[in-house]
Amino acid sequence: MIRHIVLIRFKPEVSEGHIAALFTELEEIRAQVPGILAITAGRSESPEKIERGYHHGFVVDFADWAALAAYQAHPDHQALGAKLVENAIGGLDGILVFDLPVSL
């Protein structure tokens, strides 16, 4: 399994409602791309408070690298990615992506 972790520093003027709508679009991609096992998205509730501005994020679990590649190439993912970049502080610099192979 591949765990795709994305952390985002949204611009201050981006509302929680708009962020929720973006995460709804993400969930809709699940039905479009085979191999997506789970999607979890939201705002950090960490008691440690060391998010360093990355207060929102999501995790997508993929069956394998091929499923992640299909997701990356999918036009709905590319459109959503462009919206995330547009709404992040510093554009792409406001987004952190980490892909982790996970053995179950």
PDB file of N, CA and C in Angstrom:
ATOM      1  N   MET A   1       0.850  -1.179   0.000  1.00  0.00           N
ATOM      2  CA  MET A   1       0.000   0.000   0.000  1.00  0.00           C
ATOM      3  C   MET A   1       0.894   1.240   0.000  1.00  0.00           C
ATOM      4  N   ILE A   2       0.435   2.279  -0.658  1.00  0.00           N
ATOM      5  CA  ILE A   2       1.132   3.562  -0.672  1.00  0.00           C
ATOM      6  C   ILE A   2       0.240   4.590   0.025  1.00  0.00           C
ATOM      7  N   ARG A   3       0.795   5.258   1.015  1.00  0.00           N
ATOM      8  CA  ARG A   3       0.071   6.316   1.728  1.00  0.00           C
ATOM      9  C   ARG A   3       0.573   7.659   1.198  1.00  0.00           C
ATOM     10  N   HIS A   4      -0.319   8.381   0.551  1.00  0.00           N
ATOM     11  CA  HIS A   4      -0.035   9.677  -0.075  1.00  0.00           C
ATOM     12  C   HIS A   4      -0.499  10.756   0.903  1.00  0.00           C
ATOM     13  N   ILE A   5       0.446  11.490   1.470  1.00  0.00           N
ATOM     14  CA  ILE A   5       0.154  12.483   2.505  1.00  0.00           C
ATOM     15  C   ILE A   5       0.389  13.870   1.923  1.00  0.00           C
ATOM     16  N   VAL A   6      -0.606  14.737   2.022  1.00  0.00           N
ATOM     17  CA  VAL A   6      -0.503  16.092   1.482  1.00  0.00           C
ATOM     18  C   VAL A   6      -0.878  17.083   2.585  1.00  0.00           C
ATOM     19  N   LEU A   7       0.023  18.018   2.875  1.00  0.00           N
ATOM     20  CA  LEU A   7      -0.226  19.075   3.852  1.00  0.00           C
ATOM     21  C   LEU A   7      -0.255  20.409   3.114  1.00  0.00           C
ATOM     22  N   ILE A   8      -1.184  21.280   3.501  1.00  0.00           N
ATOM     23  CA  ILE A   8      -1.400  22.528   2.771  1.00  0.00           C
ATOM     24  C   ILE A   8      -1.453  23.711   3.734  1.00  0.00           C
ATOM     25  N   ARG A   9      -0.745  24.771   3.346  1.00  0.00           N
ATOM     26  CA  ARG A   9      -0.854  26.049   4.051  1.00  0.00           C
ATOM     27  C   ARG A   9      -1.749  26.936   3.185  1.00  0.00           C
ATOM     28  N   PHE A  10      -3.039  26.986   3.515  1.00  0.00           N
ATOM     29  CA  PHE A  10      -3.962  27.806   2.743  1.00  0.00           C
ATOM     30  C   PHE A  10      -3.768  29.287   3.058  1.00  0.00           C
ATOM     31  N   LYS A  11      -4.041  30.111   2.049  1.00  0.00           N
ATOM     32  CA  LYS A  11      -4.007  31.562   2.240  1.00  0.00           C
ATOM     33  C   LYS A  11      -5.028  31.933   3.316  1.00  0.00           C
ATOM     34  N   PRO A  12      -4.743  32.969   4.111  1.00  0.00           N
ATOM     35  CA  PRO A  12      -5.657  33.341   5.201  1.00  0.00           C
ATOM     36  C   PRO A  12      -7.075  33.671   4.736  1.00  0.00           C
ATOM     37  N   GLU A  13      -7.217  34.172   3.521  1.00  0.00           N
ATOM     38  CA  GLU A  13      -8.547  34.562   3.050  1.00  0.00           C
ATOM     39  C   GLU A  13      -9.377  33.381   2.534  1.00  0.00           C
ATOM     40  N   VAL A  14      -8.794  32.205   2.468  1.00  0.00           N
ATOM     41  CA  VAL A  14      -9.537  31.026   2.012  1.00  0.00           C
ATOM     42  C   VAL A  14     -10.398  30.519   3.171  1.00  0.00           C
ATOM     43  N   SER A  15     -11.701  30.491   2.959  1.00  0.00           N
ATOM     44  CA  SER A  15     -12.627  30.115   4.034  1.00  0.00           C
ATOM     45  C   SER A  15     -12.626  28.615   4.281  1.00  0.00           C
ATOM     46  N   GLU A  16     -13.050  28.240   5.464  1.00  0.00           N
ATOM     47  CA  GLU A  16     -13.194  26.816   5.794  1.00  0.00           C
ATOM     48  C   GLU A  16     -14.210  26.148   4.863  1.00  0.00           C
ATOM     49  N   GLY A  17     -15.231  26.898   4.459  1.00  0.00           N
ATOM     50  CA  GLY A  17     -16.222  26.359   3.535  1.00  0.00           C
ATOM     51  C   GLY A  17     -15.613  26.036   2.177  1.00  0.00           C
ATOM     52  N   HIS A  18     -14.744  26.905   1.696  1.00  0.00           N
ATOM     53  CA  HIS A  18     -14.081  26.661   0.413  1.00  0.00           C
ATOM     54  C   HIS A  18     -13.137  25.467   0.516  1.00  0.00           C
ATOM     55  N   ILE A  19     -12.433  25.376   1.624  1.00  0.00           N
ATOM     56  CA  ILE A  19     -11.534  24.237   1.850  1.00  0.00           C
ATOM     57  C   ILE A  19     -12.341  22.941   1.877  1.00  0.00           C
ATOM     58  N   ALA A  20     -13.477  22.951   2.563  1.00  0.00           N
ATOM     59  CA  ALA A  20     -14.336  21.768   2.617  1.00  0.00           C
ATOM     60  C   ALA A  20     -14.807  21.373   1.221  1.00  0.00           C
ATOM     61  N   ALA A  21     -15.119  22.365   0.382  1.00  0.00           N
ATOM     62  CA  ALA A  21     -15.549  22.076  -0.989  1.00  0.00           C
ATOM     63  C   ALA A  21     -14.412  21.436  -1.791  1.00  0.00           C
ATOM     64  N   LEU A  22     -13.182  21.899  -1.583  1.00  0.00           N
ATOM     65  CA  LEU A  22     -12.036  21.292  -2.254  1.00  0.00           C
ATOM     66  C   LEU A  22     -11.868  19.841  -1.808  1.00  0.00           C
ATOM     67  N   PHE A  23     -12.032  19.589  -0.525  1.00  0.00           N
ATOM     68  CA  PHE A  23     -11.898  18.226  -0.020  1.00  0.00           C
ATOM     69  C   PHE A  23     -13.046  17.337  -0.505  1.00  0.00           C
ATOM     70  N   THR A  24     -14.215  17.909  -0.749  1.00  0.00           N
ATOM     71  CA  THR A  24     -15.318  17.153  -1.340  1.00  0.00           C
ATOM     72  C   THR A  24     -14.962  16.739  -2.761  1.00  0.00           C
ATOM     73  N   GLU A  25     -14.329  17.644  -3.509  1.00  0.00           N
ATOM     74  CA  GLU A  25     -13.866  17.291  -4.859  1.00  0.00           C
ATOM     75  C   GLU A  25     -12.877  16.129  -4.802  1.00  0.00           C
ATOM     76  N   LEU A  26     -12.010  16.158  -3.809  1.00  0.00           N
ATOM     77  CA  LEU A  26     -11.046  15.074  -3.640  1.00  0.00           C
ATOM     78  C   LEU A  26     -11.779  13.749  -3.434  1.00  0.00           C
ATOM     79  N   GLU A  27     -12.770  13.748  -2.584  1.00  0.00           N
ATOM     80  CA  GLU A  27     -13.533  12.524  -2.304  1.00  0.00           C
ATOM     81  C   GLU A  27     -14.237  12.024  -3.564  1.00  0.00           C
ATOM     82  N   GLU A  28     -14.672  12.934  -4.420  1.00  0.00           N
ATOM     83  CA  GLU A  28     -15.348  12.532  -5.655  1.00  0.00           C
ATOM     84  C   GLU A  28     -14.401  11.808  -6.619  1.00  0.00           C
ATOM     85  N   ILE A  29     -13.108  12.100  -6.532  1.00  0.00           N
ATOM     86  CA  ILE A  29     -12.123  11.431  -7.389  1.00  0.00           C
ATOM     87  C   ILE A  29     -12.040   9.947  -7.037  1.00  0.00           C
ATOM     88  N   ARG A  30     -12.352   9.628  -5.803  1.00  0.00           N
ATOM     89  CA  ARG A  30     -12.270   8.229  -5.353  1.00  0.00           C
ATOM     90  C   ARG A  30     -13.040   7.285  -6.272  1.00  0.00           C
ATOM     91  N   ALA A  31     -14.201   7.697  -6.722  1.00  0.00           N
ATOM     92  CA  ALA A  31     -15.020   6.860  -7.593  1.00  0.00           C
ATOM     93  C   ALA A  31     -14.468   6.785  -9.017  1.00  0.00           C
ATOM     94  N   GLN A  32     -13.568   7.696  -9.357  1.00  0.00           N
ATOM     95  CA  GLN A  32     -13.031   7.777 -10.715  1.00  0.00           C
ATOM     96  C   GLN A  32     -11.764   6.952 -10.915  1.00  0.00           C
ATOM     97  N   VAL A  33     -11.029   6.685  -9.834  1.00  0.00           N
ATOM     98  CA  VAL A  33      -9.708   6.071  -9.954  1.00  0.00           C
ATOM     99  C   VAL A  33      -9.670   4.741  -9.196  1.00  0.00           C
ATOM    100  N   PRO A  34      -9.531   3.637  -9.910  1.00  0.00           N
ATOM    101  CA  PRO A  34      -9.406   2.343  -9.233  1.00  0.00           C
ATOM    102  C   PRO A  34      -8.129   2.298  -8.383  1.00  0.00           C
ATOM    103  N   GLY A  35      -8.205   1.586  -7.285  1.00  0.00           N
ATOM    104  CA  GLY A  35      -7.026   1.419  -6.438  1.00  0.00           C
ATOM    105  C   GLY A  35      -6.934   2.383  -5.286  1.00  0.00           C
ATOM    106  N   ILE A  36      -7.881   3.320  -5.175  1.00  0.00           N
ATOM    107  CA  ILE A  36      -7.920   4.189  -3.994  1.00  0.00           C
ATOM    108  C   ILE A  36      -8.634   3.406  -2.900  1.00  0.00           C
ATOM    109  N   LEU A  37      -7.936   3.179  -1.805  1.00  0.00           N
ATOM    110  CA  LEU A  37      -8.490   2.399  -0.694  1.00  0.00           C
ATOM    111  C   LEU A  37      -9.224   3.264   0.321  1.00  0.00           C
ATOM    112  N   ALA A  38      -8.700   4.466   0.570  1.00  0.00           N
ATOM    113  CA  ALA A  38      -9.312   5.342   1.579  1.00  0.00           C
ATOM    114  C   ALA A  38      -8.826   6.768   1.370  1.00  0.00           C
ATOM    115  N   ILE A  39      -9.676   7.726   1.752  1.00  0.00           N
ATOM    116  CA  ILE A  39      -9.322   9.140   1.738  1.00  0.00           C
ATOM    117  C   ILE A  39      -9.773   9.741   3.059  1.00  0.00           C
ATOM    118  N   THR A  40      -8.863  10.469   3.696  1.00  0.00           N
ATOM    119  CA  THR A  40      -9.185  11.200   4.911  1.00  0.00           C
ATOM    120  C   THR A  40      -8.661  12.620   4.739  1.00  0.00           C
ATOM    121  N   ALA A  41      -9.495  13.621   4.995  1.00  0.00           N
ATOM    122  CA  ALA A  41      -9.085  15.011   4.812  1.00  0.00           C
ATOM    123  C   ALA A  41      -9.651  15.868   5.929  1.00  0.00           C
ATOM    124  N   GLY A  42      -8.960  16.951   6.235  1.00  0.00           N
ATOM    125  CA  GLY A  42      -9.482  17.866   7.238  1.00  0.00           C
ATOM    126  C   GLY A  42      -8.445  18.820   7.787  1.00  0.00           C
ATOM    127  N   ARG A  43      -8.805  19.411   8.916  1.00  0.00           N
ATOM    128  CA  ARG A  43      -7.973  20.395   9.611  1.00  0.00           C
ATOM    129  C   ARG A  43      -7.286  19.706  10.783  1.00  0.00           C
ATOM    130  N   SER A  44      -6.043  20.085  11.022  1.00  0.00           N
ATOM    131  CA  SER A  44      -5.300  19.512  12.142  1.00  0.00           C
ATOM    132  C   SER A  44      -5.949  19.867  13.470  1.00  0.00           C
ATOM    133  N   GLU A  45      -5.981  18.898  14.346  1.00  0.00           N
ATOM    134  CA  GLU A  45      -6.451  19.111  15.713  1.00  0.00           C
ATOM    135  C   GLU A  45      -5.362  18.701  16.697  1.00  0.00           C
ATOM    136  N   SER A  46      -4.125  18.815  16.258  1.00  0.00           N
ATOM    137  CA  SER A  46      -2.991  18.375  17.061  1.00  0.00           C
ATOM    138  C   SER A  46      -2.860  19.184  18.354  1.00  0.00           C
ATOM    139  N   PRO A  47      -2.778  18.511  19.487  1.00  0.00           N
ATOM    140  CA  PRO A  47      -2.553  19.232  20.738  1.00  0.00           C
ATOM    141  C   PRO A  47      -1.131  19.774  20.836  1.00  0.00           C
ATOM    142  N   GLU A  48      -0.222  19.273  19.984  1.00  0.00           N
ATOM    143  CA  GLU A  48       1.162  19.737  20.018  1.00  0.00           C
ATOM    144  C   GLU A  48       1.332  21.122  19.400  1.00  0.00           C
ATOM    145  N   LYS A  49       0.432  21.501  18.499  1.00  0.00           N
ATOM    146  CA  LYS A  49       0.434  22.830  17.877  1.00  0.00           C
ATOM    147  C   LYS A  49       1.744  23.155  17.160  1.00  0.00           C
ATOM    148  N   ILE A  50       2.312  22.181  16.434  1.00  0.00           N
ATOM    149  CA  ILE A  50       3.543  22.447  15.690  1.00  0.00           C
ATOM    150  C   ILE A  50       3.339  22.195  14.195  1.00  0.00           C
ATOM    151  N   GLU A  51       2.188  22.600  13.682  1.00  0.00           N
ATOM    152  CA  GLU A  51       1.866  22.402  12.275  1.00  0.00           C
ATOM    153  C   GLU A  51       2.698  23.288  11.350  1.00  0.00           C
ATOM    154  N   ARG A  52       3.280  24.349  11.888  1.00  0.00           N
ATOM    155  CA  ARG A  52       4.097  25.287  11.111  1.00  0.00           C
ATOM    156  C   ARG A  52       3.333  25.846   9.913  1.00  0.00           C
ATOM    157  N   GLY A  53       2.061  26.113  10.142  1.00  0.00           N
ATOM    158  CA  GLY A  53       1.228  26.708   9.106  1.00  0.00           C
ATOM    159  C   GLY A  53       0.485  25.712   8.236  1.00  0.00           C
ATOM    160  N   TYR A  54       0.848  24.451   8.317  1.00  0.00           N
ATOM    161  CA  TYR A  54       0.154  23.414   7.551  1.00  0.00           C
ATOM    162  C   TYR A  54      -1.031  22.913   8.378  1.00  0.00           C
ATOM    163  N   HIS A  55      -2.113  23.696   8.365  1.00  0.00           N
ATOM    164  CA  HIS A  55      -3.257  23.383   9.216  1.00  0.00           C
ATOM    165  C   HIS A  55      -4.273  22.436   8.565  1.00  0.00           C
ATOM    166  N   HIS A  56      -4.140  22.208   7.271  1.00  0.00           N
ATOM    167  CA  HIS A  56      -5.062  21.319   6.565  1.00  0.00           C
ATOM    168  C   HIS A  56      -4.270  20.289   5.777  1.00  0.00           C
ATOM    169  N   GLY A  57      -4.906  19.161   5.555  1.00  0.00           N
ATOM    170  CA  GLY A  57      -4.239  18.146   4.754  1.00  0.00           C
ATOM    171  C   GLY A  57      -5.142  16.979   4.483  1.00  0.00           C
ATOM    172  N   PHE A  58      -4.576  16.048   3.737  1.00  0.00           N
ATOM    173  CA  PHE A  58      -5.324  14.824   3.456  1.00  0.00           C
ATOM    174  C   PHE A  58      -4.364  13.666   3.244  1.00  0.00           C
ATOM    175  N   VAL A  59      -4.925  12.482   3.395  1.00  0.00           N
ATOM    176  CA  VAL A  59      -4.198  11.236   3.184  1.00  0.00           C
ATOM    177  C   VAL A  59      -5.036  10.393   2.234  1.00  0.00           C
ATOM    178  N   VAL A  60      -4.370   9.878   1.194  1.00  0.00           N
ATOM    179  CA  VAL A  60      -5.025   8.953   0.283  1.00  0.00           C
ATOM    180  C   VAL A  60      -4.215   7.662   0.315  1.00  0.00           C
ATOM    181  N   ASP A  61      -4.875   6.566   0.611  1.00  0.00           N
ATOM    182  CA  ASP A  61      -4.224   5.254   0.597  1.00  0.00           C
ATOM    183  C   ASP A  61      -4.506   4.588  -0.742  1.00  0.00           C
ATOM    184  N   PHE A  62      -3.425   4.162  -1.408  1.00  0.00           N
ATOM    185  CA  PHE A  62      -3.511   3.504  -2.709  1.00  0.00           C
ATOM    186  C   PHE A  62      -3.095   2.051  -2.576  1.00  0.00           C
ATOM    187  N   ALA A  63      -3.655   1.207  -3.412  1.00  0.00           N
ATOM    188  CA  ALA A  63      -3.312  -0.213  -3.396  1.00  0.00           C
ATOM    189  C   ALA A  63      -1.840  -0.420  -3.750  1.00  0.00           C
ATOM    190  N   ASP A  64      -1.331   0.409  -4.676  1.00  0.00           N
ATOM    191  CA  ASP A  64       0.046   0.235  -5.138  1.00  0.00           C
ATOM    192  C   ASP A  64       0.494   1.497  -5.885  1.00  0.00           C
ATOM    193  N   TRP A  65       1.740   1.460  -6.365  1.00  0.00           N
ATOM    194  CA  TRP A  65       2.293   2.616  -7.085  1.00  0.00           C
ATOM    195  C   TRP A  65       1.533   2.885  -8.375  1.00  0.00           C
ATOM    196  N   ALA A  66       1.046   1.841  -9.043  1.00  0.00           N
ATOM    197  CA  ALA A  66       0.285   2.023 -10.284  1.00  0.00           C
ATOM    198  C   ALA A  66      -1.001   2.810 -10.034  1.00  0.00           C
ATOM    199  N   ALA A  67      -1.657   2.555  -8.921  1.00  0.00           N
ATOM    200  CA  ALA A  67      -2.876   3.296  -8.588  1.00  0.00           C
ATOM    201  C   ALA A  67      -2.549   4.765  -8.305  1.00  0.00           C
ATOM    202  N   LEU A  68      -1.435   5.019  -7.625  1.00  0.00           N
ATOM    203  CA  LEU A  68      -1.008   6.407  -7.379  1.00  0.00           C
ATOM    204  C   LEU A  68      -0.715   7.099  -8.702  1.00  0.00           C
ATOM    205  N   ALA A  69      -0.046   6.411  -9.616  1.00  0.00           N
ATOM    206  CA  ALA A  69       0.264   6.989 -10.921  1.00  0.00           C
ATOM    207  C   ALA A  69      -1.007   7.307 -11.709  1.00  0.00           C
ATOM    208  N   ALA A  70      -2.000   6.420 -11.635  1.00  0.00           N
ATOM    209  CA  ALA A  70      -3.274   6.660 -12.319  1.00  0.00           C
ATOM    210  C   ALA A  70      -3.971   7.891 -11.733  1.00  0.00           C
ATOM    211  N   TYR A  71      -3.908   8.043 -10.427  1.00  0.00           N
ATOM    212  CA  TYR A  71      -4.479   9.208  -9.737  1.00  0.00           C
ATOM    213  C   TYR A  71      -3.778  10.482 -10.192  1.00  0.00           C
ATOM    214  N   GLN A  72      -2.454  10.451 -10.234  1.00  0.00           N
ATOM    215  CA  GLN A  72      -1.695  11.637 -10.622  1.00  0.00           C
ATOM    216  C   GLN A  72      -1.998  12.068 -12.052  1.00  0.00           C
ATOM    217  N   ALA A  73      -2.240  11.109 -12.928  1.00  0.00           N
ATOM    218  CA  ALA A  73      -2.505  11.415 -14.329  1.00  0.00           C
ATOM    219  C   ALA A  73      -3.965  11.772 -14.603  1.00  0.00           C
ATOM    220  N   HIS A  74      -4.852  11.477 -13.664  1.00  0.00           N
ATOM    221  CA  HIS A  74      -6.285  11.688 -13.888  1.00  0.00           C
ATOM    222  C   HIS A  74      -6.590  13.186 -14.011  1.00  0.00           C
ATOM    223  N   PRO A  75      -7.393  13.591 -14.997  1.00  0.00           N
ATOM    224  CA  PRO A  75      -7.685  15.017 -15.190  1.00  0.00           C
ATOM    225  C   PRO A  75      -8.383  15.681 -14.001  1.00  0.00           C
ATOM    226  N   ASP A  76      -9.219  14.948 -13.273  1.00  0.00           N
ATOM    227  CA  ASP A  76      -9.879  15.541 -12.098  1.00  0.00           C
ATOM    228  C   ASP A  76      -8.853  15.839 -11.000  1.00  0.00           C
ATOM    229  N   HIS A  77      -7.861  14.965 -10.842  1.00  0.00           N
ATOM    230  CA  HIS A  77      -6.795  15.225  -9.871  1.00  0.00           C
ATOM    231  C   HIS A  77      -5.979  16.432 -10.304  1.00  0.00           C
ATOM    232  N   GLN A  78      -5.663  16.515 -11.578  1.00  0.00           N
ATOM    233  CA  GLN A  78      -4.868  17.643 -12.056  1.00  0.00           C
ATOM    234  C   GLN A  78      -5.611  18.961 -11.877  1.00  0.00           C
ATOM    235  N   ALA A  79      -6.919  18.963 -12.118  1.00  0.00           N
ATOM    236  CA  ALA A  79      -7.723  20.174 -11.918  1.00  0.00           C
ATOM    237  C   ALA A  79      -7.778  20.558 -10.445  1.00  0.00           C
ATOM    238  N   LEU A  80      -7.985  19.579  -9.576  1.00  0.00           N
ATOM    239  CA  LEU A  80      -8.015  19.857  -8.140  1.00  0.00           C
ATOM    240  C   LEU A  80      -6.648  20.329  -7.667  1.00  0.00           C
ATOM    241  N   GLY A  81      -5.591  19.691  -8.152  1.00  0.00           N
ATOM    242  CA  GLY A  81      -4.241  20.111  -7.779  1.00  0.00           C
ATOM    243  C   GLY A  81      -3.987  21.565  -8.124  1.00  0.00           C
ATOM    244  N   ALA A  82      -4.454  21.999  -9.293  1.00  0.00           N
ATOM    245  CA  ALA A  82      -4.290  23.398  -9.689  1.00  0.00           C
ATOM    246  C   ALA A  82      -5.040  24.332  -8.728  1.00  0.00           C
ATOM    247  N   LYS A  83      -6.220  23.917  -8.283  1.00  0.00           N
ATOM    248  CA  LYS A  83      -6.987  24.724  -7.323  1.00  0.00           C
ATOM    249  C   LYS A  83      -6.272  24.788  -5.976  1.00  0.00           C
ATOM    250  N   LEU A  84      -5.690  23.669  -5.546  1.00  0.00           N
ATOM    251  CA  LEU A  84      -4.959  23.672  -4.277  1.00  0.00           C
ATOM    252  C   LEU A  84      -3.766  24.615  -4.356  1.00  0.00           C
ATOM    253  N   VAL A  85      -3.020  24.549  -5.450  1.00  0.00           N
ATOM    254  CA  VAL A  85      -1.865  25.436  -5.636  1.00  0.00           C
ATOM    255  C   VAL A  85      -2.314  26.892  -5.638  1.00  0.00           C
ATOM    256  N   GLU A  86      -3.415  27.182  -6.323  1.00  0.00           N
ATOM    257  CA  GLU A  86      -3.949  28.544  -6.404  1.00  0.00           C
ATOM    258  C   GLU A  86      -4.316  29.098  -5.026  1.00  0.00           C
ATOM    259  N   ASN A  87      -4.766  28.225  -4.132  1.00  0.00           N
ATOM    260  CA  ASN A  87      -5.241  28.663  -2.816  1.00  0.00           C
ATOM    261  C   ASN A  87      -4.201  28.525  -1.707  1.00  0.00           C
ATOM    262  N   ALA A  88      -3.036  28.013  -2.027  1.00  0.00           N
ATOM    263  CA  ALA A  88      -1.991  27.814  -1.020  1.00  0.00           C
ATOM    264  C   ALA A  88      -1.076  29.032  -0.944  1.00  0.00           C
ATOM    265  N   ILE A  89      -0.583  29.300   0.236  1.00  0.00           N
ATOM    266  CA  ILE A  89       0.382  30.378   0.432  1.00  0.00           C
ATOM    267  C   ILE A  89       1.640  30.057  -0.384  1.00  0.00           C
ATOM    268  N   GLY A  90       2.003  30.952  -1.277  1.00  0.00           N
ATOM    269  CA  GLY A  90       3.195  30.729  -2.091  1.00  0.00           C
ATOM    270  C   GLY A  90       3.008  29.724  -3.208  1.00  0.00           C
ATOM    271  N   GLY A  91       1.751  29.385  -3.526  1.00  0.00           N
ATOM    272  CA  GLY A  91       1.507  28.409  -4.582  1.00  0.00           C
ATOM    273  C   GLY A  91       2.015  27.038  -4.190  1.00  0.00           C
ATOM    274  N   LEU A  92       2.790  26.427  -5.052  1.00  0.00           N
ATOM    275  CA  LEU A  92       3.298  25.081  -4.793  1.00  0.00           C
ATOM    276  C   LEU A  92       4.165  25.024  -3.534  1.00  0.00           C
ATOM    277  N   ASP A  93       4.802  26.143  -3.189  1.00  0.00           N
ATOM    278  CA  ASP A  93       5.618  26.174  -1.963  1.00  0.00           C
ATOM    279  C   ASP A  93       4.787  25.993  -0.698  1.00  0.00           C
ATOM    280  N   GLY A  94       3.476  26.170  -0.794  1.00  0.00           N
ATOM    281  CA  GLY A  94       2.602  26.001   0.356  1.00  0.00           C
ATOM    282  C   GLY A  94       2.003  24.613   0.471  1.00  0.00           C
ATOM    283  N   ILE A  95       2.547  23.677  -0.305  1.00  0.00           N
ATOM    284  CA  ILE A  95       2.039  22.306  -0.293  1.00  0.00           C
ATOM    285  C   ILE A  95       3.200  21.349  -0.091  1.00  0.00           C
ATOM    286  N   LEU A  96       3.010  20.406   0.808  1.00  0.00           N
ATOM    287  CA  LEU A  96       4.014  19.390   1.096  1.00  0.00           C
ATOM    288  C   LEU A  96       3.411  18.025   0.790  1.00  0.00           C
ATOM    289  N   VAL A  97       4.125  17.210  -0.007  1.00  0.00           N
ATOM    290  CA  VAL A  97       3.649  15.881  -0.384  1.00  0.00           C
ATOM    291  C   VAL A  97       4.675  14.849   0.071  1.00  0.00           C
ATOM    292  N   PHE A  98       4.167  13.768   0.657  1.00  0.00           N
ATOM    293  CA  PHE A  98       5.026  12.690   1.165  1.00  0.00           C
ATOM    294  C   PHE A  98       4.356  11.372   0.839  1.00  0.00           C
ATOM    295  N   ASP A  99       5.031  10.519   0.068  1.00  0.00           N
ATOM    296  CA  ASP A  99       4.483   9.206  -0.285  1.00  0.00           C
ATOM    297  C   ASP A  99       5.251   8.130   0.467  1.00  0.00           C
ATOM    298  N   LEU A 100       4.510   7.338   1.216  1.00  0.00           N
ATOM    299  CA  LEU A 100       5.109   6.368   2.114  1.00  0.00           C
ATOM    300  C   LEU A 100       4.614   4.959   1.806  1.00  0.00           C
ATOM    301  N   PRO A 101       5.511   4.042   1.411  1.00  0.00           N
ATOM    302  CA  PRO A 101       5.091   2.651   1.272  1.00  0.00           C
ATOM    303  C   PRO A 101       4.776   2.077   2.655  1.00  0.00           C
ATOM    304  N   VAL A 102       3.650   1.397   2.776  1.00  0.00           N
ATOM    305  CA  VAL A 102       3.205   0.855   4.051  1.00  0.00           C
ATOM    306  C   VAL A 102       2.993  -0.646   3.889  1.00  0.00           C
ATOM    307  N   SER A 103       3.602  -1.415   4.768  1.00  0.00           N
ATOM    308  CA  SER A 103       3.378  -2.872   4.782  1.00  0.00           C
ATOM    309  C   SER A 103       2.280  -3.182   5.784  1.00  0.00           C
ATOM    310  N   LEU A 104       1.317  -3.946   5.344  1.00  0.00           N
ATOM    311  CA  LEU A 104       0.202  -4.293   6.246  1.00  0.00           C
ATOM    312  C   LEU A 104       0.357  -5.713   6.761  1.00  0.00           C
TER     313      LEU A 104
END
